[in-house]
Amino acid sequence: MDPKTARRLVKMRKCSCLTCFYCDETLDDRHEHDHFPVPKVARGTAIVAACLDCHDLKDRILFNSWPAGACVEAVQGLLTGIELSKQRSSSISELVAWVSGNPSFADAEVLGRWATLPALTRILYGKLRSIEEERRYRTGQPYDQPSALAALLSRSPLLDQ
């Protein structure tokens, strides 16, 4: 279904969306259709249903504006079930290398464990993936990182220090 059709159906209250893709809450008549994993600005066409709260957190509210507890919860959810004892890096570049080489952070793996991830983690991952896909589209560069998280970390200004 294309976004215009979906939007028209929502306005006509004939949308068949039942739950939010991010938090699994039951949707009411007022909800959004979010472009995931490729944002609309990067010519993405796949859409998922999102409640207004999740859509705002993903697309309209900057991550550094989230409450500290929500940030910590989102990152902890991404790390759940991942062996961290082997990660003993003291630098950002070592952390990037570890994330890039860890299959648990690969986009396919994150999507594979989507149902077990907390809602804030899903929103954070959607935000990271959206940023990376938009960057790729705007620069014309291929999406050559194993994961959105690795791509974001690899461009961190902290690496320049």
N, C-alpha and C. Protein backbone atom coordinates (compact mmCIF):
# COMPACT_ATOMS: atom_id res chain seq x y z
N MET A 1 0.86 -1.17 0.00
CA MET A 1 0.00 0.00 0.00
C MET A 1 0.90 1.23 0.00
N ASP A 2 0.60 2.17 -0.82
CA ASP A 2 1.40 3.40 -0.86
C ASP A 2 0.96 4.34 0.26
N PRO A 3 1.85 5.26 0.66
CA PRO A 3 1.55 6.15 1.79
C PRO A 3 0.30 7.01 1.60
N LYS A 4 0.04 7.48 0.39
CA LYS A 4 -1.14 8.32 0.17
C LYS A 4 -2.42 7.53 0.42
N THR A 5 -2.44 6.29 -0.05
CA THR A 5 -3.61 5.44 0.18
C THR A 5 -3.79 5.19 1.67
N ALA A 6 -2.69 4.89 2.36
CA ALA A 6 -2.76 4.63 3.79
C ALA A 6 -3.29 5.86 4.54
N ARG A 7 -2.78 7.01 4.19
CA ARG A 7 -3.22 8.26 4.85
C ARG A 7 -4.71 8.50 4.60
N ARG A 8 -5.15 8.28 3.36
CA ARG A 8 -6.56 8.47 3.03
C ARG A 8 -7.44 7.50 3.83
N LEU A 9 -6.99 6.26 3.96
CA LEU A 9 -7.77 5.28 4.72
C LEU A 9 -7.85 5.65 6.19
N VAL A 10 -6.76 6.18 6.73
CA VAL A 10 -6.80 6.62 8.13
C VAL A 10 -7.82 7.73 8.30
N LYS A 11 -7.80 8.68 7.38
CA LYS A 11 -8.75 9.79 7.47
C LYS A 11 -10.19 9.29 7.35
N MET A 12 -10.37 8.23 6.57
CA MET A 12 -11.72 7.67 6.40
C MET A 12 -12.03 6.66 7.51
N ARG A 13 -11.08 6.46 8.43
CA ARG A 13 -11.24 5.51 9.53
C ARG A 13 -11.48 4.09 9.05
N LYS A 14 -10.83 3.74 7.95
CA LYS A 14 -10.95 2.39 7.44
C LYS A 14 -9.58 1.72 7.39
N CYS A 15 -8.66 2.22 8.16
CA CYS A 15 -7.33 1.64 8.22
C CYS A 15 -7.42 0.31 8.98
N SER A 16 -6.68 -0.66 8.52
CA SER A 16 -6.73 -1.97 9.15
C SER A 16 -5.59 -2.20 10.14
N CYS A 17 -4.86 -1.14 10.49
CA CYS A 17 -3.74 -1.26 11.43
C CYS A 17 -4.29 -1.55 12.83
N LEU A 18 -3.68 -2.52 13.50
CA LEU A 18 -4.16 -2.91 14.82
C LEU A 18 -3.23 -2.51 15.95
N THR A 19 -1.90 -2.69 15.75
CA THR A 19 -0.95 -2.41 16.82
C THR A 19 0.22 -1.58 16.30
N CYS A 20 0.84 -0.87 17.21
CA CYS A 20 2.01 -0.06 16.90
C CYS A 20 3.21 -0.98 16.65
N PHE A 21 3.95 -0.73 15.60
CA PHE A 21 5.12 -1.50 15.24
C PHE A 21 6.20 -1.40 16.31
N TYR A 22 6.26 -0.30 17.02
CA TYR A 22 7.31 -0.06 18.00
C TYR A 22 6.95 -0.52 19.41
N CYS A 23 5.75 -0.23 19.88
CA CYS A 23 5.41 -0.55 21.28
C CYS A 23 4.37 -1.66 21.42
N ASP A 24 3.81 -2.13 20.34
CA ASP A 24 2.81 -3.20 20.34
C ASP A 24 1.49 -2.83 21.02
N GLU A 25 1.29 -1.54 21.31
CA GLU A 25 0.02 -1.11 21.90
C GLU A 25 -1.06 -1.09 20.82
N THR A 26 -2.29 -1.29 21.23
CA THR A 26 -3.41 -1.22 20.31
C THR A 26 -3.58 0.21 19.82
N LEU A 27 -3.77 0.34 18.53
CA LEU A 27 -3.91 1.67 17.92
C LEU A 27 -5.35 2.12 17.93
N ASP A 28 -5.52 3.42 18.10
CA ASP A 28 -6.86 3.98 17.92
C ASP A 28 -6.92 4.61 16.53
N ASP A 29 -7.95 5.37 16.27
CA ASP A 29 -8.10 5.96 14.94
C ASP A 29 -7.00 6.97 14.61
N ARG A 30 -6.41 7.56 15.64
CA ARG A 30 -5.35 8.54 15.42
C ARG A 30 -3.99 7.88 15.58
N HIS A 31 -3.36 7.60 14.47
CA HIS A 31 -2.02 7.05 14.48
C HIS A 31 -1.31 7.46 13.19
N GLU A 32 -0.05 7.15 13.11
CA GLU A 32 0.77 7.51 11.95
C GLU A 32 1.17 6.27 11.18
N HIS A 33 1.59 6.50 9.96
CA HIS A 33 2.22 5.45 9.17
C HIS A 33 3.66 5.91 8.94
N ASP A 34 4.57 5.17 9.56
CA ASP A 34 5.98 5.53 9.58
C ASP A 34 6.72 4.78 8.48
N HIS A 35 7.63 5.46 7.82
CA HIS A 35 8.46 4.82 6.81
C HIS A 35 9.61 4.10 7.53
N PHE A 36 9.65 2.79 7.41
CA PHE A 36 10.67 1.97 8.06
C PHE A 36 11.03 0.81 7.16
N PRO A 37 12.28 0.47 6.95
CA PRO A 37 13.48 1.04 7.57
C PRO A 37 14.05 2.25 6.82
N VAL A 38 13.58 2.49 5.62
CA VAL A 38 14.10 3.61 4.82
C VAL A 38 13.12 4.78 4.92
N PRO A 39 13.58 5.95 5.39
CA PRO A 39 12.68 7.09 5.54
C PRO A 39 12.18 7.62 4.19
N LYS A 40 11.08 8.31 4.24
CA LYS A 40 10.47 8.87 3.03
C LYS A 40 11.45 9.79 2.29
N VAL A 41 12.23 10.58 3.04
CA VAL A 41 13.17 11.51 2.42
C VAL A 41 14.24 10.77 1.59
N ALA A 42 14.48 9.49 1.93
CA ALA A 42 15.44 8.68 1.18
C ALA A 42 14.73 7.76 0.20
N ARG A 43 13.51 8.12 -0.13
CA ARG A 43 12.67 7.41 -1.11
C ARG A 43 12.19 6.04 -0.63
N GLY A 44 12.04 5.90 0.69
CA GLY A 44 11.50 4.66 1.24
C GLY A 44 10.01 4.57 0.97
N THR A 45 9.55 3.37 0.72
CA THR A 45 8.13 3.17 0.44
C THR A 45 7.46 2.23 1.44
N ALA A 46 8.23 1.43 2.16
CA ALA A 46 7.65 0.52 3.13
C ALA A 46 7.18 1.31 4.34
N ILE A 47 5.98 1.03 4.81
CA ILE A 47 5.44 1.74 5.96
C ILE A 47 4.97 0.77 7.03
N VAL A 48 5.02 1.24 8.27
CA VAL A 48 4.52 0.49 9.41
C VAL A 48 3.61 1.42 10.21
N ALA A 49 2.70 0.83 10.95
CA ALA A 49 1.80 1.61 11.80
C ALA A 49 2.53 2.00 13.08
N ALA A 50 2.35 3.25 13.51
CA ALA A 50 2.99 3.72 14.73
C ALA A 50 2.03 4.62 15.50
N CYS A 51 1.99 4.42 16.82
CA CYS A 51 1.19 5.32 17.63
C CYS A 51 1.85 6.69 17.60
N LEU A 52 1.12 7.71 17.99
CA LEU A 52 1.64 9.08 17.94
C LEU A 52 2.86 9.27 18.83
N ASP A 53 2.88 8.65 20.01
CA ASP A 53 4.01 8.80 20.91
C ASP A 53 5.29 8.21 20.32
N CYS A 54 5.21 6.99 19.80
CA CYS A 54 6.38 6.34 19.22
C CYS A 54 6.86 7.09 17.98
N HIS A 55 5.93 7.52 17.15
CA HIS A 55 6.32 8.24 15.95
C HIS A 55 7.03 9.55 16.28
N ASP A 56 6.53 10.25 17.29
CA ASP A 56 7.18 11.50 17.70
C ASP A 56 8.59 11.23 18.24
N LEU A 57 8.73 10.21 19.10
CA LEU A 57 10.06 9.91 19.65
C LEU A 57 11.04 9.52 18.55
N LYS A 58 10.56 8.81 17.55
CA LYS A 58 11.45 8.37 16.48
C LYS A 58 11.80 9.50 15.52
N ASP A 59 10.83 10.26 15.09
CA ASP A 59 11.06 11.22 14.01
C ASP A 59 11.12 12.68 14.41
N ARG A 60 10.51 13.06 15.49
CA ARG A 60 10.37 14.49 15.78
C ARG A 60 11.15 14.97 17.00
N ILE A 61 11.54 14.04 17.87
CA ILE A 61 12.25 14.44 19.09
C ILE A 61 13.68 13.91 19.01
N LEU A 62 14.63 14.81 19.12
CA LEU A 62 16.04 14.42 19.07
C LEU A 62 16.37 13.50 20.23
N PHE A 63 17.26 12.53 19.98
CA PHE A 63 17.64 11.57 21.01
C PHE A 63 18.23 12.27 22.23
N ASN A 64 19.01 13.33 22.02
CA ASN A 64 19.61 14.02 23.17
C ASN A 64 18.57 14.83 23.96
N SER A 65 17.33 14.86 23.49
CA SER A 65 16.25 15.51 24.24
C SER A 65 15.43 14.49 25.04
N TRP A 66 15.68 13.20 24.80
CA TRP A 66 14.98 12.16 25.56
C TRP A 66 15.40 12.26 27.03
N PRO A 67 14.52 11.87 27.96
CA PRO A 67 14.93 11.80 29.37
C PRO A 67 16.08 10.79 29.51
N ALA A 68 17.00 11.06 30.42
CA ALA A 68 18.18 10.20 30.59
C ALA A 68 17.78 8.75 30.83
N GLY A 69 16.75 8.52 31.63
CA GLY A 69 16.32 7.15 31.91
C GLY A 69 15.84 6.43 30.66
N ALA A 70 15.17 7.14 29.77
CA ALA A 70 14.71 6.53 28.51
C ALA A 70 15.89 6.18 27.62
N CYS A 71 16.89 7.05 27.59
CA CYS A 71 18.11 6.77 26.79
C CYS A 71 18.80 5.52 27.29
N VAL A 72 18.98 5.44 28.61
CA VAL A 72 19.66 4.28 29.20
C VAL A 72 18.86 3.01 28.92
N GLU A 73 17.54 3.07 29.10
CA GLU A 73 16.70 1.90 28.87
C GLU A 73 16.78 1.44 27.41
N ALA A 74 16.78 2.38 26.49
CA ALA A 74 16.85 2.04 25.06
C ALA A 74 18.16 1.36 24.72
N VAL A 75 19.26 1.88 25.22
CA VAL A 75 20.58 1.28 24.94
C VAL A 75 20.71 -0.07 25.64
N GLN A 76 20.26 -0.16 26.88
CA GLN A 76 20.32 -1.44 27.60
C GLN A 76 19.54 -2.53 26.86
N GLY A 77 18.41 -2.17 26.30
CA GLY A 77 17.62 -3.13 25.55
C GLY A 77 18.37 -3.67 24.34
N LEU A 78 19.15 -2.82 23.71
CA LEU A 78 19.94 -3.24 22.56
C LEU A 78 21.05 -4.20 22.98
N LEU A 79 21.54 -4.05 24.20
CA LEU A 79 22.64 -4.88 24.70
C LEU A 79 22.17 -6.18 25.36
N THR A 80 20.88 -6.31 25.62
CA THR A 80 20.35 -7.49 26.30
C THR A 80 20.69 -8.76 25.52
N GLY A 81 21.24 -9.72 26.22
CA GLY A 81 21.56 -11.00 25.62
C GLY A 81 22.84 -11.02 24.81
N ILE A 82 23.61 -9.94 24.84
CA ILE A 82 24.85 -9.88 24.07
C ILE A 82 26.03 -10.04 25.03
N GLU A 83 26.96 -10.89 24.67
CA GLU A 83 28.15 -11.14 25.48
C GLU A 83 29.02 -9.89 25.51
N LEU A 84 29.11 -9.27 26.66
CA LEU A 84 29.88 -8.04 26.78
C LEU A 84 31.26 -8.25 27.40
N SER A 85 31.51 -9.41 27.96
CA SER A 85 32.78 -9.63 28.65
C SER A 85 33.98 -9.54 27.70
N LYS A 86 33.78 -9.78 26.42
CA LYS A 86 34.88 -9.70 25.46
C LYS A 86 35.15 -8.27 25.02
N GLN A 87 34.27 -7.36 25.36
CA GLN A 87 34.42 -5.96 24.96
C GLN A 87 35.12 -5.24 26.10
N ARG A 88 36.41 -5.04 25.95
CA ARG A 88 37.19 -4.37 26.98
C ARG A 88 37.92 -3.17 26.40
N SER A 89 37.35 -2.56 25.39
CA SER A 89 38.04 -1.45 24.73
C SER A 89 38.06 -0.21 25.61
N SER A 90 39.09 0.55 25.41
CA SER A 90 39.21 1.79 26.16
C SER A 90 39.05 3.00 25.23
N SER A 91 38.90 2.74 23.94
CA SER A 91 38.77 3.86 23.01
C SER A 91 37.53 3.68 22.15
N ILE A 92 37.08 4.79 21.59
CA ILE A 92 35.91 4.77 20.71
C ILE A 92 36.20 3.92 19.47
N SER A 93 37.40 4.02 18.92
CA SER A 93 37.72 3.25 17.70
C SER A 93 37.66 1.75 17.97
N GLU A 94 38.10 1.31 19.17
CA GLU A 94 38.00 -0.11 19.52
C GLU A 94 36.54 -0.52 19.70
N LEU A 95 35.73 0.37 20.27
CA LEU A 95 34.31 0.11 20.43
C LEU A 95 33.63 -0.04 19.06
N VAL A 96 33.97 0.84 18.12
CA VAL A 96 33.41 0.76 16.76
C VAL A 96 33.79 -0.57 16.12
N ALA A 97 35.04 -0.97 16.26
CA ALA A 97 35.49 -2.23 15.68
C ALA A 97 34.74 -3.40 16.31
N TRP A 98 34.53 -3.35 17.63
CA TRP A 98 33.82 -4.42 18.30
C TRP A 98 32.36 -4.51 17.84
N VAL A 99 31.69 -3.35 17.78
CA VAL A 99 30.29 -3.34 17.32
C VAL A 99 30.20 -3.82 15.87
N SER A 100 31.12 -3.36 15.02
CA SER A 100 31.10 -3.74 13.61
C SER A 100 31.31 -5.24 13.44
N GLY A 101 32.12 -5.84 14.30
CA GLY A 101 32.40 -7.26 14.18
C GLY A 101 31.46 -8.15 14.95
N ASN A 102 30.55 -7.58 15.71
CA ASN A 102 29.63 -8.38 16.52
C ASN A 102 28.33 -8.61 15.76
N PRO A 103 28.06 -9.85 15.37
CA PRO A 103 26.85 -10.12 14.57
C PRO A 103 25.55 -9.77 15.28
N SER A 104 25.57 -9.64 16.61
CA SER A 104 24.35 -9.30 17.34
C SER A 104 23.84 -7.91 17.02
N PHE A 105 24.72 -7.04 16.50
CA PHE A 105 24.32 -5.69 16.16
C PHE A 105 23.98 -5.52 14.68
N ALA A 106 24.14 -6.56 13.89
CA ALA A 106 23.81 -6.49 12.46
C ALA A 106 22.33 -6.18 12.31
N ASP A 107 22.00 -5.41 11.29
CA ASP A 107 20.61 -5.01 11.08
C ASP A 107 19.67 -6.22 11.03
N ALA A 108 20.07 -7.25 10.31
CA ALA A 108 19.21 -8.43 10.18
C ALA A 108 19.00 -9.10 11.54
N GLU A 109 20.03 -9.13 12.36
CA GLU A 109 19.93 -9.73 13.68
C GLU A 109 19.01 -8.92 14.59
N VAL A 110 19.15 -7.60 14.56
CA VAL A 110 18.29 -6.74 15.38
C VAL A 110 16.83 -6.94 14.97
N LEU A 111 16.58 -6.96 13.68
CA LEU A 111 15.20 -7.17 13.21
C LEU A 111 14.71 -8.57 13.56
N GLY A 112 15.63 -9.54 13.58
CA GLY A 112 15.26 -10.91 13.94
C GLY A 112 14.82 -11.06 15.38
N ARG A 113 15.35 -10.22 16.27
CA ARG A 113 14.95 -10.27 17.67
C ARG A 113 14.01 -9.12 18.05
N TRP A 114 13.40 -8.52 17.05
CA TRP A 114 12.52 -7.36 17.23
C TRP A 114 11.46 -7.59 18.29
N ALA A 115 10.80 -8.73 18.25
CA ALA A 115 9.70 -9.01 19.17
C ALA A 115 10.16 -9.04 20.63
N THR A 116 11.43 -9.30 20.88
CA THR A 116 11.94 -9.37 22.25
C THR A 116 12.52 -8.05 22.74
N LEU A 117 12.66 -7.09 21.86
CA LEU A 117 13.25 -5.80 22.24
C LEU A 117 12.22 -4.91 22.91
N PRO A 118 12.64 -4.14 23.92
CA PRO A 118 11.72 -3.17 24.54
C PRO A 118 11.33 -2.08 23.55
N ALA A 119 10.21 -1.45 23.79
CA ALA A 119 9.69 -0.43 22.88
C ALA A 119 10.69 0.70 22.64
N LEU A 120 11.32 1.21 23.69
CA LEU A 120 12.27 2.31 23.51
C LEU A 120 13.48 1.89 22.67
N THR A 121 13.88 0.64 22.79
CA THR A 121 14.99 0.13 21.98
C THR A 121 14.58 0.07 20.51
N ARG A 122 13.36 -0.35 20.25
CA ARG A 122 12.86 -0.39 18.87
C ARG A 122 12.85 1.01 18.26
N ILE A 123 12.40 1.97 19.05
CA ILE A 123 12.34 3.36 18.57
C ILE A 123 13.76 3.87 18.31
N LEU A 124 14.68 3.61 19.23
CA LEU A 124 16.06 4.03 19.05
C LEU A 124 16.66 3.41 17.79
N TYR A 125 16.45 2.11 17.60
CA TYR A 125 16.98 1.46 16.41
C TYR A 125 16.36 2.07 15.15
N GLY A 126 15.05 2.31 15.16
CA GLY A 126 14.39 2.94 14.02
C GLY A 126 14.99 4.31 13.72
N LYS A 127 15.30 5.06 14.78
CA LYS A 127 15.91 6.38 14.63
C LYS A 127 17.31 6.26 14.03
N LEU A 128 18.12 5.33 14.55
CA LEU A 128 19.48 5.12 14.03
C LEU A 128 19.46 4.69 12.56
N ARG A 129 18.57 3.77 12.26
CA ARG A 129 18.48 3.26 10.89
C ARG A 129 18.03 4.36 9.94
N SER A 130 17.08 5.16 10.37
CA SER A 130 16.58 6.26 9.56
C SER A 130 17.69 7.28 9.27
N ILE A 131 18.46 7.62 10.30
CA ILE A 131 19.57 8.56 10.13
C ILE A 131 20.57 8.02 9.11
N GLU A 132 20.91 6.76 9.25
CA GLU A 132 21.91 6.15 8.37
C GLU A 132 21.40 6.05 6.93
N GLU A 133 20.15 5.65 6.76
CA GLU A 133 19.59 5.54 5.41
C GLU A 133 19.49 6.90 4.73
N GLU A 134 19.11 7.92 5.50
CA GLU A 134 19.03 9.27 4.93
C GLU A 134 20.42 9.78 4.54
N ARG A 135 21.42 9.53 5.40
CA ARG A 135 22.79 9.94 5.09
C ARG A 135 23.28 9.26 3.82
N ARG A 136 23.01 7.98 3.72
CA ARG A 136 23.41 7.21 2.54
C ARG A 136 22.77 7.79 1.28
N TYR A 137 21.50 8.11 1.37
CA TYR A 137 20.79 8.64 0.22
C TYR A 137 21.33 10.01 -0.18
N ARG A 138 21.52 10.88 0.80
CA ARG A 138 21.96 12.25 0.52
C ARG A 138 23.38 12.32 -0.03
N THR A 139 24.26 11.43 0.40
CA THR A 139 25.64 11.45 -0.05
C THR A 139 25.87 10.56 -1.27
N GLY A 140 24.90 9.71 -1.58
CA GLY A 140 25.06 8.80 -2.71
C GLY A 140 26.01 7.66 -2.42
N GLN A 141 26.38 7.49 -1.17
CA GLN A 141 27.30 6.42 -0.79
C GLN A 141 26.51 5.14 -0.49
N PRO A 142 27.12 4.00 -0.74
CA PRO A 142 26.43 2.74 -0.43
C PRO A 142 26.33 2.55 1.08
N TYR A 143 25.34 1.83 1.46
CA TYR A 143 25.17 1.48 2.87
C TYR A 143 26.04 0.26 3.11
N ASP A 144 27.31 0.50 3.49
CA ASP A 144 28.29 -0.58 3.57
C ASP A 144 28.64 -1.01 4.98
N GLN A 145 27.93 -0.51 5.96
CA GLN A 145 28.19 -0.91 7.34
C GLN A 145 27.33 -2.13 7.69
N PRO A 146 27.81 -2.96 8.60
CA PRO A 146 27.01 -4.13 8.99
C PRO A 146 25.77 -3.76 9.79
N SER A 147 25.79 -2.57 10.41
CA SER A 147 24.64 -2.17 11.20
C SER A 147 24.55 -0.66 11.27
N ALA A 148 23.34 -0.19 11.54
CA ALA A 148 23.12 1.25 11.69
C ALA A 148 23.92 1.79 12.87
N LEU A 149 24.02 1.01 13.94
CA LEU A 149 24.77 1.44 15.11
C LEU A 149 26.26 1.58 14.78
N ALA A 150 26.82 0.60 14.08
CA ALA A 150 28.23 0.67 13.69
C ALA A 150 28.49 1.86 12.77
N ALA A 151 27.57 2.10 11.86
CA ALA A 151 27.74 3.23 10.93
C ALA A 151 27.74 4.55 11.68
N LEU A 152 26.83 4.70 12.61
CA LEU A 152 26.75 5.93 13.38
C LEU A 152 28.00 6.12 14.24
N LEU A 153 28.43 5.07 14.90
CA LEU A 153 29.63 5.15 15.75
C LEU A 153 30.88 5.45 14.91
N SER A 154 30.95 4.89 13.70
CA SER A 154 32.14 5.08 12.88
C SER A 154 32.30 6.55 12.44
N ARG A 155 31.23 7.31 12.46
CA ARG A 155 31.29 8.73 12.09
C ARG A 155 31.29 9.64 13.31
N SER A 156 31.46 9.05 14.48
CA SER A 156 31.41 9.82 15.71
C SER A 156 32.53 10.85 15.76
N PRO A 157 32.21 12.08 16.17
CA PRO A 157 33.25 13.09 16.32
C PRO A 157 34.26 12.69 17.40
N LEU A 158 33.90 11.78 18.29
CA LEU A 158 34.82 11.34 19.32
C LEU A 158 36.01 10.59 18.73
N LEU A 159 35.84 10.03 17.51
CA LEU A 159 36.95 9.31 16.87
C LEU A 159 38.06 10.26 16.46
N ASP A 160 37.73 11.52 16.30
CA ASP A 160 38.72 12.51 15.86
C ASP A 160 39.61 12.98 17.01
N GLN A 161 39.25 12.61 18.22
CA GLN A 161 40.02 13.11 19.36
C GLN A 161 41.26 12.27 19.61
